[in-house]
Protein backbone atom coordinates (compact mmCIF):
# COMPACT_ATOMS: atom_id res chain seq x y z
CA UNK A 1 8.26 24.01 13.62
CA UNK A 2 4.50 23.63 13.34
CA UNK A 3 2.11 22.49 16.03
CA UNK A 4 0.83 19.37 14.29
CA UNK A 5 1.35 17.09 11.30
CA UNK A 6 -1.19 14.59 9.98
CA UNK A 7 0.45 11.66 8.17
CA UNK A 8 -1.69 9.48 5.88
CA UNK A 9 0.15 6.37 4.65
CA UNK A 10 -1.62 4.84 1.66
CA UNK A 11 -1.14 1.92 -0.69
CA UNK A 12 -3.34 1.82 -3.79
CA UNK A 13 -5.61 4.28 -2.05
CA UNK A 14 -6.83 6.24 -5.07
CA UNK A 15 -10.47 5.39 -4.31
CA UNK A 16 -10.16 6.12 -0.57
CA UNK A 17 -7.75 8.99 -0.02
CA UNK A 18 -10.18 11.73 -1.10
CA UNK A 19 -12.60 11.03 1.76
CA UNK A 20 -10.05 11.38 4.55
CA UNK A 21 -8.52 14.51 2.98
CA UNK A 22 -11.97 16.08 2.70
CA UNK A 23 -12.50 15.40 6.43
CA UNK A 24 -9.20 17.11 7.16
CA UNK A 25 -10.09 20.10 4.99
CA UNK A 26 -13.18 20.51 7.18
CA UNK A 27 -11.29 20.57 10.48
CA UNK A 28 -12.19 23.33 12.91
CA UNK A 29 -9.05 24.57 14.66
CA UNK A 30 -8.00 27.68 16.61
CA UNK A 31 -6.66 30.46 14.40
CA UNK A 32 -3.19 30.21 15.95
CA UNK A 33 -2.84 26.44 15.43
CA UNK A 34 -0.29 25.74 12.69
CA UNK A 35 -0.52 22.31 11.02
CA UNK A 36 0.01 20.35 7.82
CA UNK A 37 -1.10 17.19 6.01
CA UNK A 38 1.35 14.72 4.42
CA UNK A 39 0.19 11.88 2.18
CA UNK A 40 2.80 9.10 2.04
CA UNK A 41 2.35 7.03 -1.11
CA UNK A 42 3.72 3.62 -0.14
CA UNK A 43 4.68 2.37 -3.61
CA UNK A 44 1.13 2.40 -4.96
CA UNK A 45 0.49 0.73 -8.31
CA UNK A 46 -2.72 2.63 -9.04
CA UNK A 47 -3.25 6.34 -9.75
CA UNK A 48 -2.94 7.50 -6.13
CA UNK A 49 -0.32 10.11 -7.08
CA UNK A 50 -2.58 11.64 -9.74
CA UNK A 51 -5.51 11.75 -7.33
CA UNK A 52 -3.45 13.58 -4.70
CA UNK A 53 -2.11 16.01 -7.30
CA UNK A 54 -5.67 16.79 -8.34
CA UNK A 55 -6.65 17.33 -4.70
CA UNK A 56 -3.68 19.66 -4.23
CA UNK A 57 -4.73 21.70 -7.27
CA UNK A 58 -8.20 22.17 -5.78
CA UNK A 59 -6.99 22.65 -2.19
CA UNK A 60 -8.45 25.87 -0.80
CA UNK A 61 -7.03 25.67 2.71
CA UNK A 62 -4.11 27.53 4.28
CA UNK A 63 -3.00 24.18 5.69
CA UNK A 64 -0.26 22.69 3.45
CA UNK A 65 -1.19 19.43 1.70
CA UNK A 66 2.01 17.57 0.78
CA UNK A 67 2.78 14.37 -1.14
CA UNK A 68 5.81 12.13 -0.64
CA UNK A 69 6.68 8.72 -2.09
CA UNK A 70 8.08 5.82 -0.06
CA UNK A 71 9.27 2.89 -2.22
CA UNK A 72 9.83 0.40 0.64
CA UNK A 73 6.64 -1.58 1.04
CA UNK A 74 5.18 -1.64 4.55
CA UNK A 75 3.26 0.61 6.91
CA UNK A 76 6.23 1.00 9.25
CA UNK A 77 8.38 2.37 6.41
CA UNK A 78 5.60 4.73 5.30
CA UNK A 79 5.15 6.10 8.81
CA UNK A 80 8.89 6.66 9.23
CA UNK A 81 8.99 8.46 5.88
CA UNK A 82 6.19 10.73 7.09
CA UNK A 83 8.03 11.45 10.33
CA UNK A 84 11.16 12.36 8.35
CA UNK A 85 9.17 15.02 6.48
CA UNK A 86 6.97 16.20 9.36
CA UNK A 87 7.37 19.70 10.80
CA UNK A 88 4.86 19.29 13.63
CA UNK A 89 5.68 18.97 17.31
CA UNK A 90 2.95 16.33 17.43
CA UNK A 91 2.22 13.86 14.65
CA UNK A 92 -1.10 12.11 14.07
CA UNK A 93 -1.41 8.96 11.95
CA UNK A 94 -4.55 8.35 9.93
CA UNK A 95 -4.99 5.40 7.59
CA UNK A 96 -6.68 6.10 4.28
CA UNK A 97 -9.90 4.57 5.63
CA UNK A 98 -9.97 6.70 8.81
CA UNK A 99 -12.44 9.58 8.93
CA UNK A 100 -11.63 12.13 11.68
CA UNK A 101 -14.32 14.18 13.37
CA UNK A 102 -14.09 17.97 12.70
CA UNK A 103 -12.32 18.67 16.01
CA UNK A 104 -9.83 15.77 15.85
CA UNK A 105 -6.76 17.91 15.16
CA UNK A 106 -7.67 20.52 17.79
CA UNK A 107 -8.37 17.81 20.39
CA UNK A 108 -5.06 16.10 19.62
CA UNK A 109 -3.01 19.25 20.11
CA UNK A 110 -4.89 20.24 23.26
CA UNK A 111 -4.27 16.83 24.84
CA UNK A 112 -0.57 16.94 24.03
CA UNK A 113 -0.22 20.39 25.54
CA UNK A 114 -1.94 19.39 28.79
CA UNK A 115 -0.21 15.98 29.20
CA UNK A 116 3.49 16.75 29.24
CA UNK A 117 4.52 13.12 29.81
CA UNK A 118 2.35 11.63 27.07
CA UNK A 119 4.54 10.16 24.34
CA UNK A 120 1.61 8.67 22.41
CA UNK A 121 -2.16 8.67 22.73
CA UNK A 122 -4.90 6.88 20.88
CA UNK A 123 -8.29 7.94 19.55
CA UNK A 124 -11.80 6.70 20.20
CA UNK A 125 -12.49 4.61 17.08
CA UNK A 126 -16.01 3.91 15.88
CA UNK A 127 -16.78 1.43 13.11
CA UNK A 128 -18.37 2.61 9.86
CA UNK A 129 -19.50 -0.55 8.10
CA UNK A 130 -20.19 -1.14 4.43
CA UNK A 131 -22.35 -4.01 5.66
CA UNK A 132 -23.64 -4.15 9.26
CA UNK A 133 -21.79 -6.85 11.25
CA UNK A 134 -23.90 -9.70 12.56
CA UNK A 135 -23.82 -10.80 16.19
CA UNK A 136 -21.17 -13.45 15.52
CA UNK A 137 -18.69 -10.81 14.33
CA UNK A 138 -19.20 -8.17 17.02
CA UNK A 139 -16.94 -9.79 19.69
CA UNK A 140 -14.10 -9.71 17.13
CA UNK A 141 -14.30 -6.03 16.19
CA UNK A 142 -11.39 -5.17 18.51
CA UNK A 143 -9.11 -6.98 16.05
CA UNK A 144 -10.29 -4.49 13.39
CA UNK A 145 -9.08 -1.54 15.51
CA UNK A 146 -12.58 -0.61 16.71
CA UNK A 147 -11.87 0.78 20.18
CA UNK A 148 -14.04 2.73 22.60
CA UNK A 149 -12.78 2.87 26.18
CA UNK A 150 -15.42 5.32 27.36
CA UNK A 151 -15.66 9.05 27.87
CA UNK A 152 -12.78 9.51 30.31
CA UNK A 153 -9.08 9.73 29.35
CA UNK A 154 -7.09 6.82 30.72
CA UNK A 155 -3.47 5.77 30.80
CA UNK A 156 -2.76 2.40 29.20
CA UNK A 157 -1.07 -0.33 31.25
CA UNK A 158 1.64 -1.13 28.73
CA UNK A 159 3.18 -3.93 30.81
CA UNK A 160 -0.14 -5.76 30.42
CA UNK A 161 0.01 -5.19 26.63
CA UNK A 162 -2.88 -2.70 26.81
CA UNK A 163 -2.04 -0.48 23.86
CA UNK A 164 -3.70 1.83 21.33
CA UNK A 165 -3.82 0.83 17.65
CA UNK A 166 -1.99 2.85 15.03
CA UNK A 167 -5.19 4.17 13.45
CA UNK A 168 -5.74 7.61 14.97
CA UNK A 169 -2.56 7.41 17.04
CA UNK A 170 -0.85 10.70 17.92
CA UNK A 171 2.81 10.80 18.95
CA UNK A 172 5.06 13.49 20.32
CA UNK A 173 7.71 13.85 17.63
CA UNK A 174 10.49 14.40 20.18
CA UNK A 175 9.55 11.10 21.84
CA UNK A 176 9.53 9.30 18.48
CA UNK A 177 12.98 10.63 17.57
CA UNK A 178 14.35 9.60 20.95
CA UNK A 179 12.78 6.12 21.14
CA UNK A 180 11.91 4.69 17.74
CA UNK A 181 14.63 3.12 15.54
CA UNK A 182 14.74 3.78 11.82
CA UNK A 183 13.38 0.26 11.27
CA UNK A 184 11.03 -1.33 13.78
CA UNK A 185 11.42 -4.97 14.81
CA UNK A 186 7.85 -5.68 13.69
CA UNK A 187 7.30 -4.21 10.25
CA UNK A 188 4.11 -6.10 9.47
CA UNK A 189 0.49 -5.51 10.41
CA UNK A 190 -0.33 -6.27 14.06
CA UNK A 191 3.22 -5.58 15.20
CA UNK A 192 4.46 -2.12 14.36
CA UNK A 193 1.46 -0.29 15.89
CA UNK A 194 2.07 -1.67 19.35
CA UNK A 195 5.85 -1.57 19.15
CA UNK A 196 5.74 2.23 18.92
CA UNK A 197 3.96 2.54 22.27
CA UNK A 198 6.05 -0.16 23.96
CA UNK A 199 9.32 1.52 23.03
CA UNK A 200 8.09 4.91 24.21
CA UNK A 201 6.81 3.48 27.48
CA UNK A 202 10.12 1.70 28.08
CA UNK A 203 11.83 5.13 27.86
CA UNK A 204 9.50 6.65 30.45
CA UNK A 205 6.79 8.19 28.28
CA UNK A 206 3.13 7.69 29.15
CA UNK A 207 0.68 6.10 26.71
CA UNK A 208 -2.90 7.41 26.84
CA UNK A 209 -6.39 7.06 25.45
CA UNK A 210 -8.03 10.38 24.55
CA UNK A 211 -11.80 10.06 23.89
CA UNK A 212 -12.02 13.65 22.65
CA UNK A 213 -10.17 12.51 19.51
CA UNK A 214 -12.76 10.51 17.60
CA UNK A 215 -12.42 8.90 14.21
CA UNK A 216 -14.54 6.60 12.11
CA UNK A 217 -12.91 3.49 10.68
CA UNK A 218 -14.51 2.36 7.43
CA UNK A 219 -14.77 -1.44 7.32
CA UNK A 220 -15.57 -3.00 3.92
CA UNK A 221 -17.66 -6.15 3.89
CA UNK A 222 -14.65 -8.25 2.86
CA UNK A 223 -13.08 -7.68 6.30
CA UNK A 224 -16.03 -9.28 8.05
CA UNK A 225 -15.62 -12.66 6.37
CA UNK A 226 -14.59 -15.76 8.24
CA UNK A 227 -11.34 -16.21 6.29
CA UNK A 228 -10.22 -12.62 6.79
CA UNK A 229 -10.94 -12.62 10.53
CA UNK A 230 -9.24 -15.95 11.13
CA UNK A 231 -6.15 -14.81 9.23
CA UNK A 232 -6.09 -11.56 11.18
CA UNK A 233 -6.46 -13.14 14.62
CA UNK A 234 -3.77 -15.70 13.79
CA UNK A 235 -1.41 -12.86 12.82
CA UNK A 236 -2.05 -11.05 16.10
CA UNK A 237 -1.17 -14.23 17.97
CA UNK A 238 1.96 -14.75 15.87
CA UNK A 239 3.36 -11.35 16.82
CA UNK A 240 2.83 -11.74 20.58
CA UNK A 241 6.33 -12.88 21.57
CA UNK A 242 8.06 -10.21 19.48
CA UNK A 243 6.16 -7.57 21.43
CA UNK A 244 6.69 -9.19 24.82
CA UNK A 245 10.44 -9.49 24.16
CA UNK A 246 10.68 -5.71 23.77
CA UNK A 247 9.91 -5.47 27.50
CA UNK A 248 11.96 -8.51 28.60
CA UNK A 249 15.64 -8.40 29.68
CA UNK A 250 17.81 -10.61 27.49
CA UNK A 251 18.67 -13.02 30.30
CA UNK A 252 14.97 -13.73 30.93
CA UNK A 253 14.00 -14.33 27.31
CA UNK A 254 14.62 -18.10 27.08
CA UNK A 255 12.36 -18.66 30.10
CA UNK A 256 9.66 -16.31 28.79
CA UNK A 257 9.72 -18.01 25.37
CA UNK A 258 9.30 -21.42 26.99
CA UNK A 259 6.48 -20.18 29.22
CA UNK A 260 4.78 -18.65 26.21
CA UNK A 261 4.93 -21.89 24.22
CA UNK A 262 3.65 -24.15 26.98
CA UNK A 263 1.08 -21.58 28.08
CA UNK A 264 -0.30 -21.42 24.54
CA UNK A 265 -0.36 -25.21 24.32
CA UNK A 266 -2.37 -25.34 27.55
CA UNK A 267 -4.81 -22.73 26.25
CA UNK A 268 -5.35 -24.69 23.04
CA UNK A 269 -6.18 -27.84 25.01
CA UNK A 270 -8.50 -25.84 27.28
CA UNK A 271 -10.12 -24.30 24.22
CA UNK A 272 -11.04 -27.69 22.79
CA UNK A 273 -12.43 -28.79 26.14
CA UNK A 274 -14.47 -25.69 26.95
CA UNK A 275 -14.98 -23.70 23.74
CA UNK A 276 -18.75 -24.20 23.75
CA UNK A 277 -18.94 -22.58 27.20
CA UNK A 278 -16.72 -19.55 26.56
CA UNK A 279 -17.83 -18.08 23.25
CA UNK A 280 -20.99 -16.57 21.84
CA UNK A 281 -20.56 -18.12 18.37
CA UNK A 282 -18.58 -20.72 16.45
CA UNK A 283 -16.83 -17.92 14.55
CA UNK A 284 -15.57 -16.35 17.77
CA UNK A 285 -14.39 -19.76 19.00
CA UNK A 286 -12.56 -20.48 15.75
CA UNK A 287 -10.89 -17.07 15.68
CA UNK A 288 -9.79 -17.45 19.28
CA UNK A 289 -8.28 -20.82 18.37
CA UNK A 290 -6.49 -19.20 15.42
CA UNK A 291 -5.08 -16.61 17.85
CA UNK A 292 -3.85 -19.34 20.23
CA UNK A 293 -2.21 -21.27 17.39
CA UNK A 294 -0.46 -18.09 16.26
CA UNK A 295 0.60 -17.55 19.86
CA UNK A 296 1.95 -21.11 20.01
CA UNK A 297 4.11 -20.39 16.98
CA UNK A 298 5.14 -16.92 18.12
CA UNK A 299 8.34 -18.00 19.97
CA UNK A 300 9.61 -19.56 16.74
CA UNK A 301 8.56 -16.47 14.76
CA UNK A 302 10.51 -14.31 17.21
CA UNK A 303 13.61 -16.52 16.93
CA UNK A 304 13.38 -16.48 13.12
CA UNK A 305 13.27 -12.66 13.15
CA UNK A 306 16.20 -12.52 15.58
CA UNK A 307 18.58 -14.42 13.28
CA UNK A 308 17.72 -12.49 10.09
């Protein structure tokens, strides 16, 4: 058993994976901290495998750099594959566009050791932009997993769906093995990240924000376009009921689904009546509407998933 495992799921990440691995090679950790890095190739169609093999050949660190292949497409499958191979007591997830600060690993292990009830804890995430976002985009950056909750650690209120994103998330492996099924309910973007924390919280583990763990999240210009942001916010809305149902007793679910549908319908009507008063830009207003429409459809999305 090691102290820590870093898992990097990647799909067609040949052009990106080198940067995050270089940041990990430069980590400053105590001499007695034992850790490893696992790259999970999620069925890439480019030369990701060759790139990682080249990095392994040039690897000059005592920290093992491993490569595994996961043929099932999807971030949830890639993360589970990494967990299956991980030897660390704590496991940190980095996407292939996440750049950890030099003390990220040390800060992650220290927090886990001093917070015995923490099942998962998220990083402070700063945006690194290929193209600076304009003022219209800034209110929407939270949907791109840009999160800064300040300089003080805080416990998330999971029942209010306050949750850390998967980028930079650290989990206690024992909590994962006890709480997380082999296949999550939500296996698509905007669902599996939050489901991890909800399931752990439901089993009594605490979910935290740790500002000492800081990463940069590289955002290409294509993710700041109107079409991308509207699609993303709609997807977040669409997954709402699936996440809420994880915390809802079965006998209450029909009522909660109905309340969700009619509540979303009311918010859409209110949006049309007051959108010019609530939002700083037309883009923000349109993305909020896309979220509400996704939310309106989310009860049906949940029911469709339930009968599969």
